[in-house]
Amino acid sequence: MTKEEKKGKKADLNGLPPAMREFEMAFQEFFKDKPKPKNDEEDKKQMEEFADWYNNTRKQSDTRKTPNEMYQEIYGKKPQKNPTEASRIMNFKWDENYKEPDEMLYEADRYFLKGKYKEAIELLDEVLEICLNDKDALLFKVEVLTAMGNKKEAEEILEFVSKKYGKDSFWHFDKAMMYFWNGNLSKAIDTMKMALEKDPNNFDAVIGYANYLYLTKDDSYVEYLEKARKLDSKRTKRFERKYWISQKEFVKGKFIPIALENIMDLLESSLEENAMENIQILLKYSKELPKDIFIMLLGLESEDYIVKKDYETANKKIEFMLKEDSNNPHAYFYKSQVLFNQNSFQEALKEIDVCLEKSEKMAIPHPDFLLLKSMILKKLDDDSYLYFENKAKQLTKGLKEFQKKGWE
């Protein structure tokens, strides 16, 4: 607790040991009408005066003696400077390296902006040791952990904050940032909007929402950017210069691969609507994206319609995909998948064979291709399905081992 906080707070002294109770009472009494120090020198002088007054002038309420008088009575001698014997004497030592929690938060912010996440976390942990469960420090830690890719711990802290303090504007702001850096721009926008509903004048949420809308090529971002300027023109100018994510940076940076992985995870989790929202956002960049990424997005779009059993639309998307790249094995895989789901097993077999032929030529092994052929053959009562089923399992195992070695 800072000196200023102590001044304005009447601590609950009940239950404290006598020495601690006396110190708290003395602190509140001495600093009650003292002006706030303007610098470290004034702060140091005040603390030295307090220590001298506490040790030599103020009588303890329970003994009616000063700590120095009590020391002499107990030990039969005058105390030396900073005595080591047990007593109520206050040993004052000025720590030149001491920082208040708000100073450490500011320094952590400097580290964060420079990408020095480890140093930022260390400072935030120090703040949290001093100010247990401080909301600002916890939410700031969520931002740093998110940038580090530590999604699990960031989520745990957000959950803790929501239970202890509720979900205010800044909670939603940090949740939105987490969604964004985990590749889910659609959810990021929805959650940032919730932050604005909680506090329409939260500058961070306003400028963040403007940037997210801009990345979706939504012209309404201008409205929020102008609002940010009205709230704080200097901060807006600084944000635009240093932190605004351009559409070029969005496409060329690390976001797209993360977004593609997120879409696949959403489809596997049967969250087709959210997956489609993100697919449609990324397809707005069809001209800017590398062709292989664009084709992959078309494939994910087709898969989304297949999962939703909208086979007519899925077929239209697959045909468009084939026009863009007639040699893409995934297009034939999706065609086969549609036919399989419609119980057209012979036609599905023809398409999966084309898929496997294309993938072999391009050296793109995929266990799903083999597994689908196995499923088709099984429906056709062809015992050779076991060969392709085992081959798919072996390929899956090999890929997992390869990935594990790569991570190590």
Protein backbone atom coordinates (compact mmCIF):
# COMPACT_ATOMS: atom_id res chain seq x y z
CA MET A 1 0.00 0.00 0.00
CA THR A 2 1.37 3.43 -0.90
CA LYS A 3 1.79 6.22 1.62
CA GLU A 4 -1.01 8.16 -0.06
CA GLU A 5 -3.36 5.21 0.21
CA LYS A 6 -2.54 4.87 3.89
CA LYS A 7 -3.30 8.53 4.48
CA GLY A 8 -6.84 8.30 3.14
CA LYS A 9 -7.69 4.98 4.66
CA LYS A 10 -8.62 4.18 8.22
CA ALA A 11 -7.27 0.69 8.57
CA ASP A 12 -9.17 -1.84 10.57
CA LEU A 13 -6.81 -2.15 13.54
CA ASN A 14 -8.80 -4.76 15.44
CA GLY A 15 -6.95 -7.99 15.82
CA LEU A 16 -3.51 -6.59 14.90
CA PRO A 17 -0.53 -7.33 17.17
CA PRO A 18 0.22 -4.34 19.50
CA ALA A 19 3.38 -3.24 17.64
CA MET A 20 1.66 -3.26 14.24
CA ARG A 21 -1.39 -1.51 15.64
CA GLU A 22 0.76 1.24 17.11
CA PHE A 23 2.63 1.72 13.84
CA GLU A 24 -0.61 1.98 11.82
CA MET A 25 -2.09 4.46 14.30
CA ALA A 26 1.09 6.56 14.22
CA PHE A 27 1.23 6.51 10.42
CA GLN A 28 -2.35 7.74 10.07
CA GLU A 29 -1.81 10.40 12.74
CA PHE A 30 1.44 11.79 11.29
CA PHE A 31 0.42 11.91 7.62
CA LYS A 32 -3.18 13.02 8.19
CA ASP A 33 -2.61 16.63 7.08
CA LYS A 34 0.71 16.27 5.27
CA PRO A 35 0.81 17.44 1.63
CA LYS A 36 1.57 14.86 -1.07
CA PRO A 37 5.33 14.86 -1.80
CA LYS A 38 6.25 16.33 -5.19
CA ASN A 39 9.30 14.12 -5.72
CA ASP A 40 11.42 11.36 -4.18
CA GLU A 41 13.45 13.86 -2.15
CA GLU A 42 10.36 15.25 -0.43
CA ASP A 43 9.02 11.73 0.08
CA LYS A 44 12.31 10.65 1.67
CA LYS A 45 12.37 13.71 3.95
CA GLN A 46 8.81 13.05 5.15
CA MET A 47 9.60 9.44 5.91
CA GLU A 48 12.76 10.40 7.83
CA GLU A 49 10.74 12.90 9.88
CA PHE A 50 8.10 10.28 10.54
CA ALA A 51 10.70 7.75 11.70
CA ASP A 52 12.30 10.26 14.07
CA TRP A 53 8.91 11.37 15.45
CA TYR A 54 7.72 7.77 15.82
CA ASN A 55 10.87 6.58 17.63
CA ASN A 56 11.58 9.60 19.84
CA THR A 57 8.46 11.75 20.31
CA ARG A 58 5.17 9.86 20.06
CA LYS A 59 4.16 7.92 23.18
CA GLN A 60 2.82 4.44 22.53
CA SER A 61 -0.86 4.26 23.57
CA ASP A 62 -0.44 1.05 25.60
CA THR A 63 2.87 1.84 27.42
CA ARG A 64 2.90 5.68 27.41
CA LYS A 65 6.55 5.53 26.39
CA THR A 66 8.35 6.12 23.09
CA PRO A 67 9.95 3.11 21.33
CA ASN A 68 13.42 4.45 22.30
CA GLU A 69 12.40 4.75 25.96
CA MET A 70 10.98 1.22 25.88
CA TYR A 71 14.23 -0.07 24.35
CA GLN A 72 16.36 1.52 27.12
CA GLU A 73 14.08 0.10 29.79
CA ILE A 74 14.30 -3.41 28.34
CA TYR A 75 18.01 -3.54 27.37
CA GLY A 76 19.51 -1.01 29.80
CA LYS A 77 21.30 0.95 27.10
CA LYS A 78 20.63 3.56 24.45
CA PRO A 79 19.77 2.11 21.04
CA GLN A 80 22.35 2.26 18.30
CA LYS A 81 21.29 3.22 14.77
CA ASN A 82 19.05 0.47 13.34
CA PRO A 83 19.32 -1.88 16.34
CA THR A 84 18.91 -5.60 15.69
CA GLU A 85 17.30 -6.50 19.04
CA ALA A 86 13.55 -7.01 19.12
CA SER A 87 11.83 -3.71 19.83
CA ARG A 88 9.23 -1.27 18.54
CA ILE A 89 11.89 1.00 17.06
CA MET A 90 11.30 1.74 13.39
CA ASN A 91 14.43 1.07 11.29
CA PHE A 92 14.14 3.44 8.35
CA LYS A 93 16.07 2.70 5.17
CA TRP A 94 15.42 4.47 1.86
CA ASP A 95 15.40 2.11 -1.12
CA GLU A 96 16.53 4.04 -4.19
CA ASN A 97 15.28 1.24 -6.45
CA TYR A 98 11.80 1.07 -4.96
CA LYS A 99 8.94 1.66 -7.39
CA GLU A 100 5.28 2.21 -6.67
CA PRO A 101 2.87 -0.24 -8.35
CA ASP A 102 1.71 2.41 -10.86
CA GLU A 103 5.36 3.04 -11.82
CA MET A 104 5.86 -0.68 -12.38
CA LEU A 105 2.69 -0.85 -14.50
CA TYR A 106 4.02 1.99 -16.65
CA GLU A 107 7.38 0.25 -17.02
CA ALA A 108 5.63 -3.04 -17.87
CA ASP A 109 3.73 -1.17 -20.59
CA ARG A 110 7.05 0.07 -22.05
CA TYR A 111 8.38 -3.51 -22.12
CA PHE A 112 5.13 -4.78 -23.66
CA LEU A 113 5.25 -2.25 -26.50
CA LYS A 114 8.86 -3.26 -27.23
CA GLY A 115 7.89 -6.94 -27.40
CA LYS A 116 9.77 -7.76 -24.17
CA TYR A 117 6.98 -9.89 -22.80
CA LYS A 118 9.00 -11.83 -20.21
CA GLU A 119 10.18 -8.60 -18.54
CA ALA A 120 6.62 -7.22 -18.60
CA ILE A 121 5.24 -10.36 -16.92
CA GLU A 122 7.92 -10.21 -14.21
CA LEU A 123 6.95 -6.63 -13.35
CA LEU A 124 3.23 -7.42 -13.38
CA ASP A 125 3.83 -10.33 -11.01
CA GLU A 126 5.65 -7.94 -8.67
CA VAL A 127 2.66 -5.59 -8.75
CA LEU A 128 0.34 -8.49 -7.97
CA GLU A 129 2.49 -9.44 -4.98
CA ILE A 130 2.06 -5.92 -3.59
CA CYS A 131 -1.56 -5.41 -4.67
CA LEU A 132 -3.11 -8.87 -4.47
CA ASN A 133 -5.61 -9.54 -7.29
CA ASP A 134 -5.37 -5.96 -8.63
CA LYS A 135 -7.82 -5.86 -11.56
CA ASP A 136 -5.75 -3.56 -13.78
CA ALA A 137 -2.62 -5.65 -13.35
CA LEU A 138 -4.55 -8.88 -13.99
CA LEU A 139 -6.15 -7.56 -17.18
CA PHE A 140 -2.81 -6.19 -18.36
CA LYS A 141 -1.30 -9.63 -17.75
CA VAL A 142 -4.04 -11.11 -19.96
CA GLU A 143 -2.90 -8.82 -22.81
CA VAL A 144 0.75 -9.85 -22.43
CA LEU A 145 -0.05 -13.56 -22.15
CA THR A 146 -2.24 -13.31 -25.25
CA ALA A 147 0.61 -11.71 -27.19
CA MET A 148 2.88 -14.54 -25.99
CA GLY A 149 0.39 -17.12 -27.24
CA ASN A 150 -0.35 -18.39 -23.72
CA LYS A 151 -4.08 -18.72 -24.31
CA LYS A 152 -4.84 -21.10 -21.44
CA GLU A 153 -3.43 -18.92 -18.62
CA ALA A 154 -4.95 -15.77 -20.14
CA GLU A 155 -8.37 -17.44 -20.21
CA GLU A 156 -7.98 -18.57 -16.59
CA ILE A 157 -7.17 -15.03 -15.45
CA LEU A 158 -10.12 -13.59 -17.38
CA GLU A 159 -12.40 -16.15 -15.77
CA PHE A 160 -11.06 -15.22 -12.32
CA VAL A 161 -11.54 -11.49 -13.00
CA SER A 162 -15.11 -12.03 -14.22
CA LYS A 163 -16.02 -13.89 -11.01
CA LYS A 164 -14.33 -11.41 -8.68
CA TYR A 165 -15.08 -8.09 -10.40
CA GLY A 166 -17.69 -8.85 -13.07
CA LYS A 167 -17.44 -8.22 -16.81
CA ASP A 168 -16.91 -4.53 -17.32
CA SER A 169 -15.87 -2.69 -20.49
CA PHE A 170 -12.18 -3.45 -20.06
CA TRP A 171 -12.87 -7.15 -19.45
CA HIS A 172 -14.68 -7.33 -22.79
CA PHE A 173 -11.88 -5.29 -24.41
CA ASP A 174 -9.25 -7.82 -23.31
CA LYS A 175 -11.48 -10.73 -24.30
CA ALA A 176 -11.84 -9.17 -27.76
CA MET A 177 -8.08 -8.82 -28.08
CA MET A 178 -7.69 -12.47 -27.12
CA TYR A 179 -10.16 -13.52 -29.83
CA PHE A 180 -8.33 -11.38 -32.38
CA TRP A 181 -4.85 -12.76 -31.69
CA ASN A 182 -6.27 -16.29 -31.68
CA GLY A 183 -7.53 -15.69 -35.23
CA ASN A 184 -11.23 -15.13 -34.59
CA LEU A 185 -11.89 -11.62 -35.95
CA SER A 186 -15.65 -12.17 -36.04
CA LYS A 187 -15.81 -12.89 -32.29
CA ALA A 188 -13.34 -10.08 -31.62
CA ILE A 189 -15.70 -7.58 -33.26
CA ASP A 190 -18.76 -8.88 -31.38
CA THR A 191 -16.93 -8.77 -28.05
CA MET A 192 -15.47 -5.30 -28.66
CA LYS A 193 -19.02 -4.16 -29.38
CA MET A 194 -20.01 -5.49 -25.93
CA ALA A 195 -17.20 -3.40 -24.42
CA LEU A 196 -18.72 -0.32 -26.06
CA GLU A 197 -22.17 -1.22 -24.79
CA LYS A 198 -20.73 -1.27 -21.26
CA ASP A 199 -18.94 2.05 -21.76
CA PRO A 200 -19.47 3.94 -25.05
CA ASN A 201 -16.64 6.35 -24.16
CA ASN A 202 -13.97 3.75 -23.45
CA PHE A 203 -11.27 5.10 -25.76
CA ASP A 204 -9.45 1.75 -26.08
CA ALA A 205 -12.65 -0.01 -27.10
CA VAL A 206 -13.64 2.74 -29.55
CA ILE A 207 -10.28 2.79 -31.35
CA GLY A 208 -10.05 -1.02 -31.21
CA TYR A 209 -13.51 -1.41 -32.71
CA ALA A 210 -12.59 1.08 -35.46
CA ASN A 211 -9.49 -0.94 -36.35
CA TYR A 212 -11.35 -4.26 -36.39
CA LEU A 213 -14.09 -2.84 -38.64
CA TYR A 214 -11.42 -1.45 -40.96
CA LEU A 215 -9.86 -4.92 -41.23
CA THR A 216 -13.22 -6.32 -42.34
CA LYS A 217 -13.36 -3.59 -45.02
CA ASP A 218 -16.41 -2.07 -43.33
CA ASP A 219 -16.53 1.66 -44.11
CA SER A 220 -18.35 2.41 -40.85
CA TYR A 221 -14.93 2.23 -39.16
CA VAL A 222 -14.57 5.95 -40.04
CA GLU A 223 -17.39 6.83 -37.64
CA TYR A 224 -15.60 5.20 -34.70
CA LEU A 225 -12.22 6.61 -35.67
CA GLU A 226 -13.73 10.09 -35.61
CA LYS A 227 -15.28 9.37 -32.22
CA ALA A 228 -11.87 8.31 -30.93
CA ARG A 229 -10.41 11.62 -32.16
CA LYS A 230 -13.10 13.54 -30.26
CA LEU A 231 -12.40 11.55 -27.10
CA ASP A 232 -8.62 12.05 -27.28
CA SER A 233 -7.02 13.39 -30.45
CA LYS A 234 -3.43 12.93 -29.21
CA ARG A 235 -3.94 9.28 -28.28
CA THR A 236 -5.72 8.65 -31.58
CA LYS A 237 -2.85 10.13 -33.56
CA ARG A 238 -0.36 8.07 -31.56
CA PHE A 239 -2.43 4.90 -32.04
CA GLU A 240 -2.69 5.47 -35.80
CA ARG A 241 1.05 6.02 -36.02
CA LYS A 242 2.22 3.13 -33.84
CA TYR A 243 -0.47 0.51 -33.33
CA TRP A 244 -3.03 0.71 -36.14
CA ILE A 245 -3.04 -2.59 -38.06
CA SER A 246 -3.18 -1.90 -41.80
CA GLN A 247 -4.93 -4.22 -44.25
CA LYS A 248 -1.56 -4.99 -45.84
CA GLU A 249 -0.10 -5.94 -42.48
CA PHE A 250 -3.21 -8.02 -41.77
CA VAL A 251 -2.75 -10.06 -44.96
CA LYS A 252 1.05 -10.32 -44.93
CA GLY A 253 1.55 -10.78 -41.19
CA LYS A 254 1.08 -13.74 -38.86
CA PHE A 255 -2.71 -13.38 -38.60
CA ILE A 256 -3.88 -15.32 -41.68
CA PRO A 257 -2.28 -18.71 -40.79
CA ILE A 258 -3.70 -18.39 -37.25
CA ALA A 259 -7.11 -17.46 -38.67
CA LEU A 260 -7.13 -20.52 -40.97
CA GLU A 261 -6.29 -22.79 -38.04
CA ASN A 262 -9.05 -21.16 -36.02
CA ILE A 263 -11.59 -21.77 -38.80
CA MET A 264 -10.65 -25.45 -38.95
CA ASP A 265 -11.01 -25.72 -35.17
CA LEU A 266 -14.45 -24.09 -35.35
CA LEU A 267 -15.58 -26.55 -38.02
CA GLU A 268 -14.32 -29.50 -35.96
CA SER A 269 -16.23 -28.09 -32.97
CA SER A 270 -19.44 -27.80 -35.04
CA LEU A 271 -19.39 -24.00 -34.81
CA GLU A 272 -20.19 -23.61 -38.50
CA GLU A 273 -21.78 -20.15 -38.28
CA ASN A 274 -18.80 -18.57 -36.58
CA ALA A 275 -16.47 -20.38 -38.99
CA MET A 276 -18.40 -19.00 -41.97
CA GLU A 277 -18.30 -15.45 -40.56
CA ASN A 278 -14.51 -15.61 -40.44
CA ILE A 279 -14.28 -17.23 -43.87
CA GLN A 280 -16.35 -14.44 -45.42
CA ILE A 281 -14.14 -11.79 -43.80
CA LEU A 282 -10.98 -13.36 -45.22
CA LEU A 283 -12.53 -13.87 -48.68
CA LYS A 284 -12.83 -10.08 -48.91
CA TYR A 285 -9.06 -10.22 -49.43
CA SER A 286 -9.26 -12.63 -52.39
CA LYS A 287 -7.13 -10.32 -54.57
CA GLU A 288 -4.50 -9.70 -51.91
CA LEU A 289 -4.10 -13.25 -50.59
CA PRO A 290 -1.64 -15.77 -52.09
CA LYS A 291 -3.49 -18.12 -54.44
CA ASP A 292 -2.89 -21.23 -52.32
CA ILE A 293 -4.39 -19.48 -49.27
CA PHE A 294 -7.35 -18.26 -51.33
CA ILE A 295 -7.99 -21.82 -52.62
CA MET A 296 -7.74 -23.14 -49.07
CA LEU A 297 -10.40 -20.64 -47.97
CA LEU A 298 -12.68 -21.76 -50.80
CA GLY A 299 -12.20 -25.31 -49.59
CA LEU A 300 -13.07 -24.39 -46.01
CA GLU A 301 -16.12 -22.56 -47.29
CA SER A 302 -17.20 -25.68 -49.18
CA GLU A 303 -16.59 -27.80 -46.09
CA ASP A 304 -18.74 -25.46 -44.02
CA TYR A 305 -21.67 -25.94 -46.40
CA ILE A 306 -21.11 -29.72 -46.39
CA VAL A 307 -21.23 -29.78 -42.58
CA LYS A 308 -24.50 -27.81 -42.75
CA LYS A 309 -25.78 -30.33 -45.36
CA ASP A 310 -26.32 -27.57 -47.91
CA TYR A 311 -25.00 -29.75 -50.74
CA GLU A 312 -26.32 -27.60 -53.56
CA THR A 313 -24.35 -24.55 -52.41
CA ALA A 314 -21.36 -26.74 -51.55
CA ASN A 315 -21.26 -28.07 -55.14
CA LYS A 316 -21.36 -24.53 -56.55
CA LYS A 317 -18.43 -23.55 -54.32
CA ILE A 318 -16.50 -26.67 -55.33
CA GLU A 319 -17.01 -25.94 -59.04
CA PHE A 320 -15.71 -22.42 -58.50
CA MET A 321 -12.75 -23.90 -56.65
CA LEU A 322 -12.00 -26.20 -59.59
CA LYS A 323 -12.14 -23.26 -62.03
CA GLU A 324 -9.50 -21.54 -59.93
CA ASP A 325 -7.34 -24.68 -59.68
CA SER A 326 -8.37 -27.85 -61.51
CA ASN A 327 -5.50 -29.84 -60.00
CA ASN A 328 -6.35 -29.20 -56.38
CA PRO A 329 -6.94 -32.60 -54.72
CA HIS A 330 -9.08 -31.08 -51.96
CA ALA A 331 -11.72 -30.01 -54.51
CA TYR A 332 -12.19 -33.64 -55.60
CA PHE A 333 -12.15 -34.72 -51.95
CA TYR A 334 -15.05 -32.34 -51.22
CA LYS A 335 -16.91 -33.55 -54.36
CA SER A 336 -16.50 -37.12 -53.16
CA GLN A 337 -17.64 -36.16 -49.67
CA VAL A 338 -20.86 -34.59 -51.01
CA LEU A 339 -21.61 -37.67 -53.13
CA PHE A 340 -20.87 -39.98 -50.18
CA ASN A 341 -23.28 -38.03 -47.97
CA GLN A 342 -25.92 -38.36 -50.73
CA ASN A 343 -25.35 -42.16 -50.85
CA SER A 344 -23.92 -41.98 -54.40
CA PHE A 345 -21.05 -44.32 -53.53
CA GLN A 346 -19.85 -45.28 -57.04
CA GLU A 347 -19.63 -41.64 -58.11
CA ALA A 348 -17.96 -40.80 -54.79
CA LEU A 349 -15.35 -43.53 -55.47
CA LYS A 350 -14.51 -42.01 -58.86
CA GLU A 351 -13.95 -38.57 -57.34
CA ILE A 352 -11.84 -39.82 -54.43
CA ASP A 353 -9.65 -41.75 -56.88
CA VAL A 354 -9.05 -38.52 -58.81
CA CYS A 355 -8.26 -36.83 -55.49
CA LEU A 356 -5.69 -39.50 -54.57
CA GLU A 357 -4.16 -39.38 -58.06
CA LYS A 358 -3.77 -35.59 -57.87
CA SER A 359 -2.39 -35.70 -54.32
CA GLU A 360 0.17 -38.38 -55.28
CA LYS A 361 1.45 -36.29 -58.18
CA MET A 362 1.72 -33.23 -55.97
CA ALA A 363 3.19 -35.20 -53.05
CA ILE A 364 0.39 -34.06 -50.71
CA PRO A 365 -0.39 -37.08 -48.51
CA HIS A 366 -3.50 -36.68 -46.40
CA PRO A 367 -5.01 -39.34 -44.13
CA ASP A 368 -8.53 -37.94 -44.66
CA PHE A 369 -8.33 -38.79 -48.38
CA LEU A 370 -7.47 -42.42 -47.59
CA LEU A 371 -10.03 -42.61 -44.81
CA LEU A 372 -12.83 -41.41 -47.09
CA LYS A 373 -11.91 -44.02 -49.70
CA SER A 374 -11.99 -46.66 -46.97
CA MET A 375 -15.48 -45.51 -45.91
CA ILE A 376 -16.76 -45.60 -49.51
CA LEU A 377 -15.37 -49.10 -50.13
CA LYS A 378 -16.92 -50.32 -46.90
CA LYS A 379 -20.33 -49.07 -48.07
CA LEU A 380 -19.75 -50.96 -51.33
CA ASP A 381 -18.95 -54.19 -49.38
CA ASP A 382 -15.40 -54.15 -50.75
CA ASP A 383 -13.01 -55.76 -48.23
CA SER A 384 -10.10 -53.73 -49.58
CA TYR A 385 -11.39 -50.91 -47.38
CA LEU A 386 -9.21 -52.38 -44.60
CA TYR A 387 -6.05 -51.63 -46.61
CA PHE A 388 -6.93 -47.94 -46.96
CA GLU A 389 -8.13 -47.70 -43.37
CA ASN A 390 -4.79 -49.05 -42.07
CA LYS A 391 -2.88 -46.82 -44.46
CA ALA A 392 -4.77 -43.78 -43.15
CA LYS A 393 -3.94 -44.74 -39.55
CA GLN A 394 -0.25 -45.22 -40.40
CA LEU A 395 -0.10 -41.85 -42.16
CA THR A 396 -1.82 -40.14 -39.22
CA LYS A 397 0.66 -41.71 -36.80
CA GLY A 398 3.59 -40.69 -39.01
CA LEU A 399 2.40 -37.10 -39.26
CA LYS A 400 1.98 -36.88 -35.48
CA GLU A 401 5.49 -38.19 -34.91
CA PHE A 402 6.87 -35.76 -37.48
CA GLN A 403 5.08 -32.84 -35.80
CA LYS A 404 6.31 -33.95 -32.38
CA LYS A 405 9.92 -34.04 -33.56
CA GLY A 406 9.47 -30.64 -35.17
CA TRP A 407 8.17 -29.16 -31.90
CA GLU A 408 11.03 -30.68 -29.95
